[in-house]
Amino acid sequence: VGNARDTDSSGLWFESLHGLRIERAFFQSNGHTAKTKVIFNETVSNKVLA
């Protein structure tokens, strides 16, 4: 699995940056692994705190 933000081509990644609750439903509905969700959450946290 590559960078978590590359998993969605429709732009949901960017929506998730502005609404941090979207990522949970997105990853669960697409069957991504827990590891991918951790990578995603850490990346979002880093971007928000940057």
C-alpha atoms as a PDB file:
ATOM      1  CA  VAL A   1       0.000   0.000   0.000  1.00  0.00           C
ATOM      2  CA  GLY A   2       1.354   3.384  -0.961  1.00  0.00           C
ATOM      3  CA  ASN A   3       0.721   6.732   0.627  1.00  0.00           C
ATOM      4  CA  ALA A   4      -2.789   6.774   2.100  1.00  0.00           C
ATOM      5  CA  ARG A   5      -3.696   9.951   0.224  1.00  0.00           C
ATOM      6  CA  ASP A   6      -3.153   8.137  -3.066  1.00  0.00           C
ATOM      7  CA  THR A   7      -5.934   5.641  -2.398  1.00  0.00           C
ATOM      8  CA  ASP A   8      -8.716   7.964  -3.493  1.00  0.00           C
ATOM      9  CA  SER A   9      -8.854   9.707  -6.858  1.00  0.00           C
ATOM     10  CA  SER A  10     -12.169  11.481  -6.261  1.00  0.00           C
ATOM     11  CA  GLY A  11     -10.776  14.027  -3.799  1.00  0.00           C
ATOM     12  CA  LEU A  12     -12.158  12.549  -0.568  1.00  0.00           C
ATOM     13  CA  TRP A  13      -8.656  12.907   0.900  1.00  0.00           C
ATOM     14  CA  PHE A  14      -8.977  16.682   0.690  1.00  0.00           C
ATOM     15  CA  GLU A  15     -12.457  16.610   2.206  1.00  0.00           C
ATOM     16  CA  SER A  16     -11.034  14.579   5.073  1.00  0.00           C
ATOM     17  CA  LEU A  17      -8.422  17.250   5.761  1.00  0.00           C
ATOM     18  CA  HIS A  18     -11.236  19.695   6.410  1.00  0.00           C
ATOM     19  CA  GLY A  19     -13.560  17.205   8.145  1.00  0.00           C
ATOM     20  CA  LEU A  20     -11.431  14.772  10.114  1.00  0.00           C
ATOM     21  CA  ARG A  21     -14.317  12.380  10.756  1.00  0.00           C
ATOM     22  CA  ILE A  22     -14.766  11.472   7.074  1.00  0.00           C
ATOM     23  CA  GLU A  23     -11.653   9.284   6.929  1.00  0.00           C
ATOM     24  CA  ARG A  24     -13.054   6.602   9.238  1.00  0.00           C
ATOM     25  CA  ALA A  25     -16.128   5.860   7.125  1.00  0.00           C
ATOM     26  CA  PHE A  26     -14.082   6.202   3.947  1.00  0.00           C
ATOM     27  CA  PHE A  27     -11.447   3.666   4.900  1.00  0.00           C
ATOM     28  CA  GLN A  28     -13.905   1.238   6.487  1.00  0.00           C
ATOM     29  CA  SER A  29     -16.200   1.270   3.454  1.00  0.00           C
ATOM     30  CA  ASN A  30     -13.254   0.667   1.130  1.00  0.00           C
ATOM     31  CA  GLY A  31     -11.803  -2.162   3.196  1.00  0.00           C
ATOM     32  CA  HIS A  32      -8.389  -0.641   3.817  1.00  0.00           C
ATOM     33  CA  THR A  33      -6.220  -2.168   6.511  1.00  0.00           C
ATOM     34  CA  ALA A  34      -5.759  -0.786   9.991  1.00  0.00           C
ATOM     35  CA  LYS A  35      -2.166   0.028   9.067  1.00  0.00           C
ATOM     36  CA  THR A  36      -3.361   2.231   6.220  1.00  0.00           C
ATOM     37  CA  LYS A  37      -5.770   4.007   8.567  1.00  0.00           C
ATOM     38  CA  VAL A  38      -2.933   4.685  11.004  1.00  0.00           C
ATOM     39  CA  ILE A  39      -0.765   6.107   8.202  1.00  0.00           C
ATOM     40  CA  PHE A  40      -3.663   8.265   7.085  1.00  0.00           C
ATOM     41  CA  ASN A  41      -4.468   9.536  10.570  1.00  0.00           C
ATOM     42  CA  GLU A  42      -0.819  10.332  11.310  1.00  0.00           C
ATOM     43  CA  THR A  43      -0.501  12.172   7.994  1.00  0.00           C
ATOM     44  CA  VAL A  44      -3.645  14.206   8.652  1.00  0.00           C
ATOM     45  CA  SER A  45      -2.442  15.064  12.144  1.00  0.00           C
ATOM     46  CA  ASN A  46       0.916  16.194  10.795  1.00  0.00           C
ATOM     47  CA  LYS A  47      -0.718  18.391   8.160  1.00  0.00           C
ATOM     48  CA  VAL A  48      -3.175  19.929  10.614  1.00  0.00           C
ATOM     49  CA  LEU A  49      -0.457  20.640  13.180  1.00  0.00           C
ATOM     50  CA  ALA A  50       2.065  21.898  10.630  1.00  0.00           C
END
